[in-house]
C-alpha atoms as a PDB file:
ATOM      1  CA  MET A   1       7.739 -13.929  -6.450  1.00  0.00           C
ATOM      2  CA  ASN A   2       8.048 -17.131  -4.495  1.00  0.00           C
ATOM      3  CA  SER A   3       5.336 -18.052  -2.062  1.00  0.00           C
ATOM      4  CA  SER A   4       5.967 -20.564   0.711  1.00  0.00           C
ATOM      5  CA  ASN A   5       2.262 -21.109   1.352  1.00  0.00           C
ATOM      6  CA  PRO A   6       0.210 -20.299  -1.763  1.00  0.00           C
ATOM      7  CA  GLN A   7      -3.131 -20.723   0.009  1.00  0.00           C
ATOM      8  CA  SER A   8      -2.432 -17.951   2.522  1.00  0.00           C
ATOM      9  CA  GLN A   9      -0.718 -15.427   0.247  1.00  0.00           C
ATOM     10  CA  LEU A  10      -1.898 -13.547  -2.810  1.00  0.00           C
ATOM     11  CA  GLY A  11       0.494 -12.026  -5.320  1.00  0.00           C
ATOM     12  CA  PHE A  12      -0.253  -8.670  -6.912  1.00  0.00           C
ATOM     13  CA  VAL A  13       1.410  -6.694  -9.678  1.00  0.00           C
ATOM     14  CA  ILE A  14       1.133  -2.956  -9.057  1.00  0.00           C
ATOM     15  CA  GLU A  15       1.346  -0.736 -12.158  1.00  0.00           C
ATOM     16  CA  ILE A  16       2.267   2.809 -11.138  1.00  0.00           C
ATOM     17  CA  ARG A  17       4.752   5.406 -12.356  1.00  0.00           C
ATOM     18  CA  PRO A  18       8.448   4.642 -11.657  1.00  0.00           C
ATOM     19  CA  VAL A  19       9.048   7.321  -8.994  1.00  0.00           C
ATOM     20  CA  GLU A  20       5.887   6.333  -7.125  1.00  0.00           C
ATOM     21  CA  ARG A  21       6.737   2.656  -7.558  1.00  0.00           C
ATOM     22  CA  TRP A  22      10.079   3.072  -5.757  1.00  0.00           C
ATOM     23  CA  ALA A  23       8.492   5.070  -2.940  1.00  0.00           C
ATOM     24  CA  VAL A  24       5.796   2.415  -2.430  1.00  0.00           C
ATOM     25  CA  TYR A  25       8.429  -0.335  -2.582  1.00  0.00           C
ATOM     26  CA  HIS A  26      10.501   1.324   0.151  1.00  0.00           C
ATOM     27  CA  ARG A  27       7.432   1.843   2.348  1.00  0.00           C
ATOM     28  CA  LEU A  28       6.405  -1.803   1.958  1.00  0.00           C
ATOM     29  CA  GLN A  29       9.957  -2.814   2.894  1.00  0.00           C
ATOM     30  CA  GLU A  30       9.634  -0.719   6.073  1.00  0.00           C
ATOM     31  CA  LEU A  31       6.363  -2.511   6.824  1.00  0.00           C
ATOM     32  CA  GLU A  32       8.057  -5.887   6.180  1.00  0.00           C
ATOM     33  CA  ILE A  33       5.597  -6.776   3.427  1.00  0.00           C
ATOM     34  CA  PRO A  34       7.262  -9.126   0.899  1.00  0.00           C
ATOM     35  CA  CYS A  35       7.719  -7.354  -2.418  1.00  0.00           C
ATOM     36  CA  GLY A  36      10.074  -7.192  -5.355  1.00  0.00           C
ATOM     37  CA  LEU A  37      11.045  -4.482  -7.788  1.00  0.00           C
ATOM     38  CA  SER A  38      13.400  -4.285 -10.753  1.00  0.00           C
ATOM     39  CA  THR A  39      14.180  -1.438 -13.115  1.00  0.00           C
ATOM     40  CA  ASN A  40      11.471  -1.001 -15.771  1.00  0.00           C
ATOM     41  CA  ARG A  41       9.332  -3.719 -14.175  1.00  0.00           C
ATOM     42  CA  PRO A  42       6.114  -3.475 -12.156  1.00  0.00           C
ATOM     43  CA  LEU A  43       6.117  -3.796  -8.389  1.00  0.00           C
ATOM     44  CA  LYS A  44       5.245  -7.309  -7.196  1.00  0.00           C
ATOM     45  CA  VAL A  45       3.714  -7.674  -3.740  1.00  0.00           C
ATOM     46  CA  GLU A  46       2.701 -10.670  -1.633  1.00  0.00           C
ATOM     47  CA  ILE A  47      -0.290 -10.111   0.626  1.00  0.00           C
ATOM     48  CA  SER A  48      -0.833 -12.602   3.425  1.00  0.00           C
ATOM     49  CA  SER A  49      -3.362 -10.815   5.646  1.00  0.00           C
ATOM     50  CA  PRO A  50      -6.098  -8.186   5.583  1.00  0.00           C
ATOM     51  CA  ILE A  51      -3.777  -5.802   7.459  1.00  0.00           C
ATOM     52  CA  ALA A  52      -1.102  -6.198   4.770  1.00  0.00           C
ATOM     53  CA  ALA A  53      -3.745  -5.470   2.106  1.00  0.00           C
ATOM     54  CA  ILE A  54      -4.766  -2.263   3.896  1.00  0.00           C
ATOM     55  CA  GLN A  55      -1.124  -1.241   4.302  1.00  0.00           C
ATOM     56  CA  LEU A  56      -0.551  -1.821   0.575  1.00  0.00           C
ATOM     57  CA  TRP A  57      -3.623   0.267  -0.286  1.00  0.00           C
ATOM     58  CA  SER A  58      -2.439   3.016   2.063  1.00  0.00           C
ATOM     59  CA  ALA A  59       1.111   3.080   0.674  1.00  0.00           C
ATOM     60  CA  VAL A  60      -0.146   3.263  -2.917  1.00  0.00           C
ATOM     61  CA  LYS A  61      -2.772   5.892  -2.064  1.00  0.00           C
ATOM     62  CA  GLN A  62      -0.259   8.035  -0.156  1.00  0.00           C
ATOM     63  CA  ASN A  63       2.037   8.137  -3.178  1.00  0.00           C
ATOM     64  CA  THR A  64      -0.470   8.399  -6.031  1.00  0.00           C
ATOM     65  CA  ALA A  65      -3.497  10.378  -4.818  1.00  0.00           C
ATOM     66  CA  PRO A  66      -3.732  14.123  -5.380  1.00  0.00           C
ATOM     67  CA  ARG A  67      -3.056  16.219  -2.293  1.00  0.00           C
ATOM     68  CA  HIS A  68      -6.658  17.445  -1.983  1.00  0.00           C
ATOM     69  CA  GLU A  69      -7.919  13.847  -1.866  1.00  0.00           C
ATOM     70  CA  LEU A  70      -5.466  12.997   0.945  1.00  0.00           C
ATOM     71  CA  VAL A  71      -6.571  16.099   2.865  1.00  0.00           C
ATOM     72  CA  CYS A  72     -10.224  15.041   2.539  1.00  0.00           C
ATOM     73  CA  LEU A  73      -9.422  11.528   3.792  1.00  0.00           C
ATOM     74  CA  LEU A  74      -7.595  12.952   6.789  1.00  0.00           C
ATOM     75  CA  GLU A  75     -10.402  15.396   7.579  1.00  0.00           C
ATOM     76  CA  ASN A  76     -12.926  12.522   7.415  1.00  0.00           C
ATOM     77  CA  CYS A  77     -10.818  10.532   9.887  1.00  0.00           C
ATOM     78  CA  TRP A  78     -10.673  13.485  12.271  1.00  0.00           C
ATOM     79  CA  HIS A  79     -14.427  13.966  11.929  1.00  0.00           C
ATOM     80  CA  GLU A  80     -15.096  10.277  12.685  1.00  0.00           C
ATOM     81  CA  LYS A  81     -12.763  10.363  15.698  1.00  0.00           C
ATOM     82  CA  THR A  82     -14.608  13.414  17.060  1.00  0.00           C
ATOM     83  CA  ASN A  83     -17.968  11.639  16.644  1.00  0.00           C
ATOM     84  CA  ILE A  84     -16.720   8.570  18.510  1.00  0.00           C
ATOM     85  CA  LYS A  85     -15.769  10.662  21.569  1.00  0.00           C
ATOM     86  CA  ASP A  86     -19.249  12.249  21.812  1.00  0.00           C
END
């Protein structure tokens, strides 16, 4: 993982199962977050902003969390949105 500006970017190694790793890698590519992946190697990700960190967390969570946990997160978001409108 090469970093053009080491003070503004942090490199992370993400250890997750291979199928999940490829799904997260493809999602990060869609989000244009610099990352690298090789067969039988962990996912390497460069984070250069708080938004990129949240997107990384979201991509990993979406692919690794049990379904019931994702449903609870979504319901909490809907609940918070409803409270904001009141």
